[in-house]
All heavy atoms as atom14 arrays in JSON, in Angstrom:
{
  "sequence": "FPTALFNIDIKTDAAAEPTARAIRDQRATARVLVTSFNERRRRHVVS",
  "atom14_mask": [
    [1, 1, 1, 1, 1, 1, 1, 1, 1, 1, 1, 0, 0, 0],
    [1, 1, 1, 1, 1, 1, 1, 0, 0, 0, 0, 0, 0, 0],
    [1, 1, 1, 1, 1, 1, 1, 0, 0, 0, 0, 0, 0, 0],
    [1, 1, 1, 1, 1, 0, 0, 0, 0, 0, 0, 0, 0, 0],
    [1, 1, 1, 1, 1, 1, 1, 1, 0, 0, 0, 0, 0, 0],
    [1, 1, 1, 1, 1, 1, 1, 1, 1, 1, 1, 0, 0, 0],
    [1, 1, 1, 1, 1, 1, 1, 1, 0, 0, 0, 0, 0, 0],
    [1, 1, 1, 1, 1, 1, 1, 1, 0, 0, 0, 0, 0, 0],
    [1, 1, 1, 1, 1, 1, 1, 1, 0, 0, 0, 0, 0, 0],
    [1, 1, 1, 1, 1, 1, 1, 1, 0, 0, 0, 0, 0, 0],
    [1, 1, 1, 1, 1, 1, 1, 1, 1, 0, 0, 0, 0, 0],
    [1, 1, 1, 1, 1, 1, 1, 0, 0, 0, 0, 0, 0, 0],
    [1, 1, 1, 1, 1, 1, 1, 1, 0, 0, 0, 0, 0, 0],
    [1, 1, 1, 1, 1, 0, 0, 0, 0, 0, 0, 0, 0, 0],
    [1, 1, 1, 1, 1, 0, 0, 0, 0, 0, 0, 0, 0, 0],
    [1, 1, 1, 1, 1, 0, 0, 0, 0, 0, 0, 0, 0, 0],
    [1, 1, 1, 1, 1, 1, 1, 1, 1, 0, 0, 0, 0, 0],
    [1, 1, 1, 1, 1, 1, 1, 0, 0, 0, 0, 0, 0, 0],
    [1, 1, 1, 1, 1, 1, 1, 0, 0, 0, 0, 0, 0, 0],
    [1, 1, 1, 1, 1, 0, 0, 0, 0, 0, 0, 0, 0, 0],
    [1, 1, 1, 1, 1, 1, 1, 1, 1, 1, 1, 0, 0, 0],
    [1, 1, 1, 1, 1, 0, 0, 0, 0, 0, 0, 0, 0, 0],
    [1, 1, 1, 1, 1, 1, 1, 1, 0, 0, 0, 0, 0, 0],
    [1, 1, 1, 1, 1, 1, 1, 1, 1, 1, 1, 0, 0, 0],
    [1, 1, 1, 1, 1, 1, 1, 1, 0, 0, 0, 0, 0, 0],
    [1, 1, 1, 1, 1, 1, 1, 1, 1, 0, 0, 0, 0, 0],
    [1, 1, 1, 1, 1, 1, 1, 1, 1, 1, 1, 0, 0, 0],
    [1, 1, 1, 1, 1, 0, 0, 0, 0, 0, 0, 0, 0, 0],
    [1, 1, 1, 1, 1, 1, 1, 0, 0, 0, 0, 0, 0, 0],
    [1, 1, 1, 1, 1, 0, 0, 0, 0, 0, 0, 0, 0, 0],
    [1, 1, 1, 1, 1, 1, 1, 1, 1, 1, 1, 0, 0, 0],
    [1, 1, 1, 1, 1, 1, 1, 0, 0, 0, 0, 0, 0, 0],
    [1, 1, 1, 1, 1, 1, 1, 1, 0, 0, 0, 0, 0, 0],
    [1, 1, 1, 1, 1, 1, 1, 0, 0, 0, 0, 0, 0, 0],
    [1, 1, 1, 1, 1, 1, 1, 0, 0, 0, 0, 0, 0, 0],
    [1, 1, 1, 1, 1, 1, 0, 0, 0, 0, 0, 0, 0, 0],
    [1, 1, 1, 1, 1, 1, 1, 1, 1, 1, 1, 0, 0, 0],
    [1, 1, 1, 1, 1, 1, 1, 1, 0, 0, 0, 0, 0, 0],
    [1, 1, 1, 1, 1, 1, 1, 1, 1, 0, 0, 0, 0, 0],
    [1, 1, 1, 1, 1, 1, 1, 1, 1, 1, 1, 0, 0, 0],
    [1, 1, 1, 1, 1, 1, 1, 1, 1, 1, 1, 0, 0, 0],
    [1, 1, 1, 1, 1, 1, 1, 1, 1, 1, 1, 0, 0, 0],
    [1, 1, 1, 1, 1, 1, 1, 1, 1, 1, 1, 0, 0, 0],
    [1, 1, 1, 1, 1, 1, 1, 1, 1, 1, 0, 0, 0, 0],
    [1, 1, 1, 1, 1, 1, 1, 0, 0, 0, 0, 0, 0, 0],
    [1, 1, 1, 1, 1, 1, 1, 0, 0, 0, 0, 0, 0, 0],
    [1, 1, 1, 1, 1, 1, 0, 0, 0, 0, 0, 0, 0, 0]
  ],
  "atom14_positions": [
    [[35.5, 212.97, 216.34], [35.87, 213.0, 214.92], [34.59, 212.92, 214.09], [34.24, 211.87, 213.53], [36.8, 211.82, 214.6], [38.01, 211.75, 215.5], [38.07, 210.83, 216.53], [39.06, 212.63, 215.33], [39.16, 210.76, 217.37], [40.16, 212.59, 216.17], [40.21, 211.66, 217.19], [0.0, 0.0, 0.0], [0.0, 0.0, 0.0], [0.0, 0.0, 0.0]],
    [[33.88, 214.04, 213.98], [32.52, 214.03, 213.42], [32.43, 213.75, 211.93], [31.33, 213.52, 211.42], [31.99, 215.42, 213.75], [33.22, 216.27, 213.88], [34.26, 215.37, 214.47], [0.0, 0.0, 0.0], [0.0, 0.0, 0.0], [0.0, 0.0, 0.0], [0.0, 0.0, 0.0], [0.0, 0.0, 0.0], [0.0, 0.0, 0.0], [0.0, 0.0, 0.0]],
    [[33.55, 213.77, 211.23], [33.52, 213.45, 209.79], [34.3, 212.18, 209.47], [34.33, 211.77, 208.31], [34.08, 214.62, 208.96], [35.46, 214.84, 209.31], [33.28, 215.89, 209.19], [0.0, 0.0, 0.0], [0.0, 0.0, 0.0], [0.0, 0.0, 0.0], [0.0, 0.0, 0.0], [0.0, 0.0, 0.0], [0.0, 0.0, 0.0], [0.0, 0.0, 0.0]],
    [[34.92, 211.58, 210.46], [35.74, 210.38, 210.21], [34.86, 209.17, 209.92], [33.75, 209.04, 210.42], [36.64, 210.11, 211.41], [0.0, 0.0, 0.0], [0.0, 0.0, 0.0], [0.0, 0.0, 0.0], [0.0, 0.0, 0.0], [0.0, 0.0, 0.0], [0.0, 0.0, 0.0], [0.0, 0.0, 0.0], [0.0, 0.0, 0.0], [0.0, 0.0, 0.0]],
    [[35.4, 208.27, 209.12], [34.73, 207.03, 208.76], [35.29, 205.91, 209.64], [36.51, 205.69, 209.67], [34.97, 206.71, 207.29], [34.59, 207.84, 206.31], [35.01, 207.48, 204.89], [33.09, 208.12, 206.38], [0.0, 0.0, 0.0], [0.0, 0.0, 0.0], [0.0, 0.0, 0.0], [0.0, 0.0, 0.0], [0.0, 0.0, 0.0], [0.0, 0.0, 0.0]],
    [[34.42, 205.21, 210.35], [34.83, 204.19, 211.32], [34.44, 202.8, 210.85], [33.29, 202.56, 210.47], [34.17, 204.45, 212.67], [34.81, 205.52, 213.49], [34.57, 206.87, 213.24], [35.66, 205.2, 214.54], [35.15, 207.87, 214.0], [36.26, 206.19, 215.32], [36.0, 207.52, 215.05], [0.0, 0.0, 0.0], [0.0, 0.0, 0.0], [0.0, 0.0, 0.0]],
    [[35.4, 201.89, 210.91], [35.18, 200.47, 210.66], [35.18, 199.78, 212.04], [36.21, 199.73, 212.72], [36.33, 199.93, 209.81], [36.05, 198.58, 209.2], [35.83, 198.47, 207.99], [36.06, 197.53, 210.0], [0.0, 0.0, 0.0], [0.0, 0.0, 0.0], [0.0, 0.0, 0.0], [0.0, 0.0, 0.0], [0.0, 0.0, 0.0], [0.0, 0.0, 0.0]],
    [[34.01, 199.28, 212.47], [33.82, 198.88, 213.86], [33.58, 197.37, 213.96], [32.6, 196.85, 213.43], [32.64, 199.63, 214.48], [32.86, 201.15, 214.38], [32.43, 199.21, 215.92], [31.63, 201.97, 214.7], [0.0, 0.0, 0.0], [0.0, 0.0, 0.0], [0.0, 0.0, 0.0], [0.0, 0.0, 0.0], [0.0, 0.0, 0.0], [0.0, 0.0, 0.0]],
    [[34.48, 196.7, 214.68], [34.38, 195.27, 214.92], [33.79, 195.06, 216.32], [34.42, 195.41, 217.32], [35.77, 194.63, 214.81], [35.76, 193.12, 214.99], [34.68, 192.53, 215.13], [36.86, 192.54, 215.0], [0.0, 0.0, 0.0], [0.0, 0.0, 0.0], [0.0, 0.0, 0.0], [0.0, 0.0, 0.0], [0.0, 0.0, 0.0], [0.0, 0.0, 0.0]],
    [[32.59, 194.48, 216.37], [31.93, 194.24, 217.66], [32.42, 192.92, 218.21], [32.22, 191.86, 217.61], [30.4, 194.26, 217.52], [29.94, 195.63, 217.03], [29.74, 193.95, 218.85], [29.64, 195.69, 215.58], [0.0, 0.0, 0.0], [0.0, 0.0, 0.0], [0.0, 0.0, 0.0], [0.0, 0.0, 0.0], [0.0, 0.0, 0.0], [0.0, 0.0, 0.0]],
    [[33.05, 192.96, 219.38], [33.77, 191.81, 219.9], [32.93, 190.83, 220.71], [33.31, 189.67, 220.85], [34.95, 192.28, 220.76], [36.07, 192.93, 219.95], [36.63, 191.96, 218.97], [37.88, 192.47, 218.28], [38.39, 191.52, 217.27], [0.0, 0.0, 0.0], [0.0, 0.0, 0.0], [0.0, 0.0, 0.0], [0.0, 0.0, 0.0], [0.0, 0.0, 0.0]],
    [[31.82, 191.27, 221.28], [31.01, 190.39, 222.12], [29.53, 190.63, 221.84], [29.14, 191.71, 221.36], [31.25, 190.63, 223.62], [30.77, 191.94, 223.98], [32.74, 190.52, 223.97], [0.0, 0.0, 0.0], [0.0, 0.0, 0.0], [0.0, 0.0, 0.0], [0.0, 0.0, 0.0], [0.0, 0.0, 0.0], [0.0, 0.0, 0.0], [0.0, 0.0, 0.0]],
    [[28.71, 189.65, 222.17], [27.26, 189.82, 222.02], [26.76, 190.98, 222.87], [25.9, 191.75, 222.45], [26.54, 188.53, 222.43], [26.74, 187.39, 221.44], [27.23, 187.65, 220.33], [26.43, 186.24, 221.8], [0.0, 0.0, 0.0], [0.0, 0.0, 0.0], [0.0, 0.0, 0.0], [0.0, 0.0, 0.0], [0.0, 0.0, 0.0], [0.0, 0.0, 0.0]],
    [[27.31, 191.09, 224.08], [26.85, 192.14, 225.0], [27.16, 193.54, 224.48], [26.52, 194.51, 224.89], [27.49, 191.94, 226.38], [0.0, 0.0, 0.0], [0.0, 0.0, 0.0], [0.0, 0.0, 0.0], [0.0, 0.0, 0.0], [0.0, 0.0, 0.0], [0.0, 0.0, 0.0], [0.0, 0.0, 0.0], [0.0, 0.0, 0.0], [0.0, 0.0, 0.0]],
    [[28.14, 193.66, 223.59], [28.52, 194.97, 223.05], [27.65, 195.39, 221.88], [27.72, 196.54, 221.44], [29.98, 194.96, 222.63], [0.0, 0.0, 0.0], [0.0, 0.0, 0.0], [0.0, 0.0, 0.0], [0.0, 0.0, 0.0], [0.0, 0.0, 0.0], [0.0, 0.0, 0.0], [0.0, 0.0, 0.0], [0.0, 0.0, 0.0], [0.0, 0.0, 0.0]],
    [[26.83, 194.49, 221.36], [26.08, 194.77, 220.14], [25.11, 195.93, 220.3], [25.17, 196.92, 219.55], [25.34, 193.51, 219.67], [0.0, 0.0, 0.0], [0.0, 0.0, 0.0], [0.0, 0.0, 0.0], [0.0, 0.0, 0.0], [0.0, 0.0, 0.0], [0.0, 0.0, 0.0], [0.0, 0.0, 0.0], [0.0, 0.0, 0.0], [0.0, 0.0, 0.0]],
    [[24.22, 195.86, 221.26], [23.23, 196.92, 221.42], [23.84, 198.24, 221.89], [23.44, 199.31, 221.39], [22.1, 196.44, 222.33], [21.31, 195.31, 221.68], [20.02, 194.97, 222.39], [19.59, 195.77, 223.25], [19.44, 193.92, 222.06], [0.0, 0.0, 0.0], [0.0, 0.0, 0.0], [0.0, 0.0, 0.0], [0.0, 0.0, 0.0], [0.0, 0.0, 0.0]],
    [[24.82, 198.23, 222.82], [25.47, 199.51, 223.16], [26.17, 200.15, 221.96], [26.18, 201.38, 221.83], [26.47, 199.1, 224.25], [25.85, 197.91, 224.89], [25.21, 197.16, 223.77], [0.0, 0.0, 0.0], [0.0, 0.0, 0.0], [0.0, 0.0, 0.0], [0.0, 0.0, 0.0], [0.0, 0.0, 0.0], [0.0, 0.0, 0.0], [0.0, 0.0, 0.0]],
    [[26.74, 199.32, 221.09], [27.38, 199.86, 219.88], [26.36, 200.55, 219.0], [26.56, 201.68, 218.54], [28.09, 198.75, 219.1], [29.15, 198.22, 219.89], [28.65, 199.26, 217.79], [0.0, 0.0, 0.0], [0.0, 0.0, 0.0], [0.0, 0.0, 0.0], [0.0, 0.0, 0.0], [0.0, 0.0, 0.0], [0.0, 0.0, 0.0], [0.0, 0.0, 0.0]],
    [[25.25, 199.86, 218.74], [24.2, 200.43, 217.9], [23.65, 201.71, 218.52], [23.4, 202.7, 217.81], [23.09, 199.41, 217.7], [0.0, 0.0, 0.0], [0.0, 0.0, 0.0], [0.0, 0.0, 0.0], [0.0, 0.0, 0.0], [0.0, 0.0, 0.0], [0.0, 0.0, 0.0], [0.0, 0.0, 0.0], [0.0, 0.0, 0.0], [0.0, 0.0, 0.0]],
    [[23.48, 201.71, 219.83], [22.95, 202.89, 220.52], [23.89, 204.09, 220.37], [23.46, 205.22, 220.1], [22.72, 202.58, 222.0], [22.08, 203.72, 222.77], [21.59, 203.28, 224.14], [22.66, 202.72, 224.97], [22.76, 201.43, 225.3], [21.88, 200.55, 224.86], [23.75, 201.02, 226.06], [0.0, 0.0, 0.0], [0.0, 0.0, 0.0], [0.0, 0.0, 0.0]],
    [[25.2, 203.84, 220.53], [26.17, 204.93, 220.39], [26.16, 205.5, 218.98], [26.21, 206.73, 218.79], [27.57, 204.43, 220.75], [0.0, 0.0, 0.0], [0.0, 0.0, 0.0], [0.0, 0.0, 0.0], [0.0, 0.0, 0.0], [0.0, 0.0, 0.0], [0.0, 0.0, 0.0], [0.0, 0.0, 0.0], [0.0, 0.0, 0.0], [0.0, 0.0, 0.0]],
    [[26.07, 204.64, 218.0], [26.05, 205.08, 216.6], [24.79, 205.89, 216.32], [24.84, 206.96, 215.68], [26.17, 203.87, 215.66], [27.56, 203.24, 215.79], [25.9, 204.28, 214.21], [27.69, 201.88, 215.13], [0.0, 0.0, 0.0], [0.0, 0.0, 0.0], [0.0, 0.0, 0.0], [0.0, 0.0, 0.0], [0.0, 0.0, 0.0], [0.0, 0.0, 0.0]],
    [[23.66, 205.4, 216.8], [22.4, 206.15, 216.61], [22.44, 207.49, 217.31], [22.05, 208.51, 216.75], [21.21, 205.34, 217.12], [20.75, 204.21, 216.22], [19.35, 203.76, 216.61], [19.25, 203.44, 218.03], [19.44, 202.23, 218.54], [19.76, 201.22, 217.75], [19.31, 202.02, 219.84], [0.0, 0.0, 0.0], [0.0, 0.0, 0.0], [0.0, 0.0, 0.0]],
    [[22.9, 207.49, 218.56], [22.91, 208.74, 219.34], [23.78, 209.8, 218.68], [23.48, 211.01, 218.78], [23.41, 208.47, 220.76], [22.4, 207.72, 221.61], [21.24, 207.57, 221.17], [22.78, 207.26, 222.71], [0.0, 0.0, 0.0], [0.0, 0.0, 0.0], [0.0, 0.0, 0.0], [0.0, 0.0, 0.0], [0.0, 0.0, 0.0], [0.0, 0.0, 0.0]],
    [[24.85, 209.36, 218.03], [25.75, 210.31, 217.37], [25.35, 210.55, 215.9], [26.07, 211.25, 215.19], [27.19, 209.8, 217.43], [27.76, 209.77, 218.83], [27.82, 211.13, 219.47], [28.16, 212.12, 218.81], [27.46, 211.21, 220.76], [0.0, 0.0, 0.0], [0.0, 0.0, 0.0], [0.0, 0.0, 0.0], [0.0, 0.0, 0.0], [0.0, 0.0, 0.0]],
    [[24.25, 209.94, 215.49], [23.77, 210.06, 214.11], [24.88, 209.75, 213.12], [25.11, 210.47, 212.14], [23.2, 211.47, 213.87], [22.08, 211.81, 214.85], [21.29, 213.0, 214.39], [20.7, 212.76, 213.09], [19.56, 213.32, 212.67], [18.9, 214.12, 213.46], [19.1, 213.08, 211.46], [0.0, 0.0, 0.0], [0.0, 0.0, 0.0], [0.0, 0.0, 0.0]],
    [[25.55, 208.65, 213.38], [26.75, 208.29, 212.62], [26.56, 207.08, 211.72], [27.53, 206.58, 211.14], [27.91, 208.01, 213.58], [0.0, 0.0, 0.0], [0.0, 0.0, 0.0], [0.0, 0.0, 0.0], [0.0, 0.0, 0.0], [0.0, 0.0, 0.0], [0.0, 0.0, 0.0], [0.0, 0.0, 0.0], [0.0, 0.0, 0.0], [0.0, 0.0, 0.0]],
    [[25.33, 206.61, 211.54], [25.09, 205.4, 210.75], [25.69, 205.5, 209.36], [26.23, 204.52, 208.83], [23.57, 205.12, 210.65], [23.03, 204.98, 211.96], [23.3, 203.86, 209.85], [0.0, 0.0, 0.0], [0.0, 0.0, 0.0], [0.0, 0.0, 0.0], [0.0, 0.0, 0.0], [0.0, 0.0, 0.0], [0.0, 0.0, 0.0], [0.0, 0.0, 0.0]],
    [[25.62, 206.68, 208.76], [26.08, 206.83, 207.38], [27.59, 206.8, 207.24], [28.1, 206.65, 206.12], [25.55, 208.15, 206.8], [0.0, 0.0, 0.0], [0.0, 0.0, 0.0], [0.0, 0.0, 0.0], [0.0, 0.0, 0.0], [0.0, 0.0, 0.0], [0.0, 0.0, 0.0], [0.0, 0.0, 0.0], [0.0, 0.0, 0.0], [0.0, 0.0, 0.0]],
    [[28.33, 206.91, 208.35], [29.79, 206.96, 208.21], [30.5, 205.82, 208.96], [31.68, 205.93, 209.25], [30.33, 208.32, 208.67], [30.02, 208.71, 210.09], [30.48, 210.14, 210.37], [30.18, 210.57, 211.72], [31.03, 210.52, 212.72], [32.26, 210.03, 212.54], [30.69, 210.94, 213.93], [0.0, 0.0, 0.0], [0.0, 0.0, 0.0], [0.0, 0.0, 0.0]],
    [[29.76, 204.77, 209.23], [30.39, 203.62, 209.85], [30.11, 202.36, 209.04], [29.13, 202.28, 208.29], [29.89, 203.39, 211.31], [30.09, 204.65, 212.14], [28.44, 202.93, 211.33], [0.0, 0.0, 0.0], [0.0, 0.0, 0.0], [0.0, 0.0, 0.0], [0.0, 0.0, 0.0], [0.0, 0.0, 0.0], [0.0, 0.0, 0.0], [0.0, 0.0, 0.0]],
    [[31.0, 201.39, 209.22], [30.77, 200.01, 208.79], [30.83, 199.18, 210.06], [31.74, 199.34, 210.86], [31.81, 199.56, 207.78], [31.75, 198.1, 207.32], [32.24, 197.97, 205.87], [32.57, 197.16, 208.21], [0.0, 0.0, 0.0], [0.0, 0.0, 0.0], [0.0, 0.0, 0.0], [0.0, 0.0, 0.0], [0.0, 0.0, 0.0], [0.0, 0.0, 0.0]],
    [[29.85, 198.29, 210.23], [29.86, 197.41, 211.39], [30.13, 195.98, 210.93], [29.68, 195.56, 209.86], [28.54, 197.48, 212.18], [28.37, 198.85, 212.8], [27.34, 197.12, 211.31], [0.0, 0.0, 0.0], [0.0, 0.0, 0.0], [0.0, 0.0, 0.0], [0.0, 0.0, 0.0], [0.0, 0.0, 0.0], [0.0, 0.0, 0.0], [0.0, 0.0, 0.0]],
    [[30.87, 195.26, 211.75], [31.18, 193.89, 211.4], [31.47, 193.1, 212.65], [31.59, 193.65, 213.75], [32.37, 193.83, 210.42], [32.49, 192.51, 209.9], [33.68, 194.23, 211.11], [0.0, 0.0, 0.0], [0.0, 0.0, 0.0], [0.0, 0.0, 0.0], [0.0, 0.0, 0.0], [0.0, 0.0, 0.0], [0.0, 0.0, 0.0], [0.0, 0.0, 0.0]],
    [[31.58, 191.8, 212.47], [31.97, 190.9, 213.55], [32.4, 189.59, 212.92], [31.93, 189.22, 211.83], [30.79, 190.65, 214.5], [31.14, 189.67, 215.47], [0.0, 0.0, 0.0], [0.0, 0.0, 0.0], [0.0, 0.0, 0.0], [0.0, 0.0, 0.0], [0.0, 0.0, 0.0], [0.0, 0.0, 0.0], [0.0, 0.0, 0.0], [0.0, 0.0, 0.0]],
    [[33.28, 188.86, 213.57], [33.62, 187.53, 213.11], [32.42, 186.6, 213.25], [32.31, 185.6, 212.55], [34.81, 186.98, 213.9], [36.13, 187.54, 213.47], [36.7, 188.62, 214.14], [36.81, 187.01, 212.39], [37.91, 189.15, 213.74], [38.02, 187.53, 211.98], [38.58, 188.6, 212.65], [0.0, 0.0, 0.0], [0.0, 0.0, 0.0], [0.0, 0.0, 0.0]],
    [[31.51, 186.93, 214.16], [30.33, 186.12, 214.44], [29.17, 186.6, 213.57], [28.77, 187.76, 213.64], [29.98, 186.25, 215.93], [28.79, 185.44, 216.32], [27.65, 185.82, 216.04], [29.03, 184.33, 216.99], [0.0, 0.0, 0.0], [0.0, 0.0, 0.0], [0.0, 0.0, 0.0], [0.0, 0.0, 0.0], [0.0, 0.0, 0.0], [0.0, 0.0, 0.0]],
    [[28.58, 185.71, 212.78], [27.53, 186.11, 211.85], [26.24, 186.53, 212.56], [25.6, 187.52, 212.17], [27.24, 184.98, 210.87], [26.06, 185.2, 209.93], [26.19, 186.43, 209.04], [27.29, 187.03, 208.97], [25.18, 186.82, 208.42], [0.0, 0.0, 0.0], [0.0, 0.0, 0.0], [0.0, 0.0, 0.0], [0.0, 0.0, 0.0], [0.0, 0.0, 0.0]],
    [[25.83, 185.81, 213.59], [24.62, 186.18, 214.31], [24.74, 187.57, 214.91], [23.82, 188.38, 214.85], [24.33, 185.15, 215.4], [23.08, 185.43, 216.22], [22.83, 184.3, 217.21], [24.0, 184.01, 218.01], [24.38, 184.72, 219.07], [23.69, 185.78, 219.43], [25.45, 184.37, 219.76], [0.0, 0.0, 0.0], [0.0, 0.0, 0.0], [0.0, 0.0, 0.0]],
    [[25.91, 187.86, 215.47], [26.16, 189.18, 216.06], [26.14, 190.26, 214.99], [25.56, 191.34, 215.18], [27.49, 189.16, 216.8], [27.78, 190.41, 217.62], [29.17, 190.31, 218.23], [29.31, 189.05, 218.98], [30.45, 188.38, 219.08], [31.55, 188.82, 218.48], [30.49, 187.26, 219.78], [0.0, 0.0, 0.0], [0.0, 0.0, 0.0], [0.0, 0.0, 0.0]],
    [[26.78, 189.98, 213.86], [26.79, 190.96, 212.76], [25.37, 191.28, 212.32], [24.98, 192.45, 212.17], [27.61, 190.42, 211.59], [27.75, 191.41, 210.42], [28.24, 190.73, 209.15], [27.2, 189.89, 208.56], [26.24, 190.36, 207.75], [26.17, 191.65, 207.45], [25.34, 189.54, 207.25], [0.0, 0.0, 0.0], [0.0, 0.0, 0.0], [0.0, 0.0, 0.0]],
    [[24.57, 190.25, 212.11], [23.2, 190.45, 211.66], [22.38, 191.24, 212.69], [21.55, 192.08, 212.32], [22.52, 189.1, 211.39], [22.95, 188.44, 210.08], [22.19, 187.14, 209.88], [22.52, 186.54, 208.6], [21.92, 186.82, 207.46], [20.95, 187.73, 207.44], [22.28, 186.23, 206.35], [0.0, 0.0, 0.0], [0.0, 0.0, 0.0], [0.0, 0.0, 0.0]],
    [[22.62, 190.96, 213.95], [21.88, 191.65, 215.0], [22.16, 193.16, 214.96], [21.23, 193.97, 215.01], [22.25, 191.07, 216.36], [21.52, 191.7, 217.5], [20.16, 191.95, 217.49], [21.96, 192.15, 218.72], [19.8, 192.52, 218.62], [20.86, 192.66, 219.39], [0.0, 0.0, 0.0], [0.0, 0.0, 0.0], [0.0, 0.0, 0.0], [0.0, 0.0, 0.0]],
    [[23.43, 193.53, 214.86], [23.77, 194.95, 214.83], [23.22, 195.61, 213.58], [22.68, 196.72, 213.63], [25.3, 195.16, 214.94], [25.64, 196.63, 214.86], [25.82, 194.59, 216.24], [0.0, 0.0, 0.0], [0.0, 0.0, 0.0], [0.0, 0.0, 0.0], [0.0, 0.0, 0.0], [0.0, 0.0, 0.0], [0.0, 0.0, 0.0], [0.0, 0.0, 0.0]],
    [[23.33, 194.93, 212.43], [22.79, 195.49, 211.19], [21.29, 195.72, 211.32], [20.76, 196.74, 210.85], [23.11, 194.55, 210.01], [22.31, 194.94, 208.77], [24.6, 194.57, 209.7], [0.0, 0.0, 0.0], [0.0, 0.0, 0.0], [0.0, 0.0, 0.0], [0.0, 0.0, 0.0], [0.0, 0.0, 0.0], [0.0, 0.0, 0.0], [0.0, 0.0, 0.0]],
    [[20.59, 194.8, 211.98], [19.13, 194.95, 212.14], [18.77, 196.16, 213.0], [17.67, 196.71, 212.88], [18.54, 193.68, 212.76], [18.85, 193.57, 214.14], [0.0, 0.0, 0.0], [0.0, 0.0, 0.0], [0.0, 0.0, 0.0], [0.0, 0.0, 0.0], [0.0, 0.0, 0.0], [0.0, 0.0, 0.0], [0.0, 0.0, 0.0], [0.0, 0.0, 0.0]]
  ]
}
């Protein structure tokens, strides 16, 4: 879905870097929102 807007909840610390990698590889940063209930995890993915 190359034009869809995704709201992505990262559920575990281990999923943070793979999530960021997938978003970068698909050049999708501009069409996603990343979040987590965990603040440290949220900040890590945003960074």
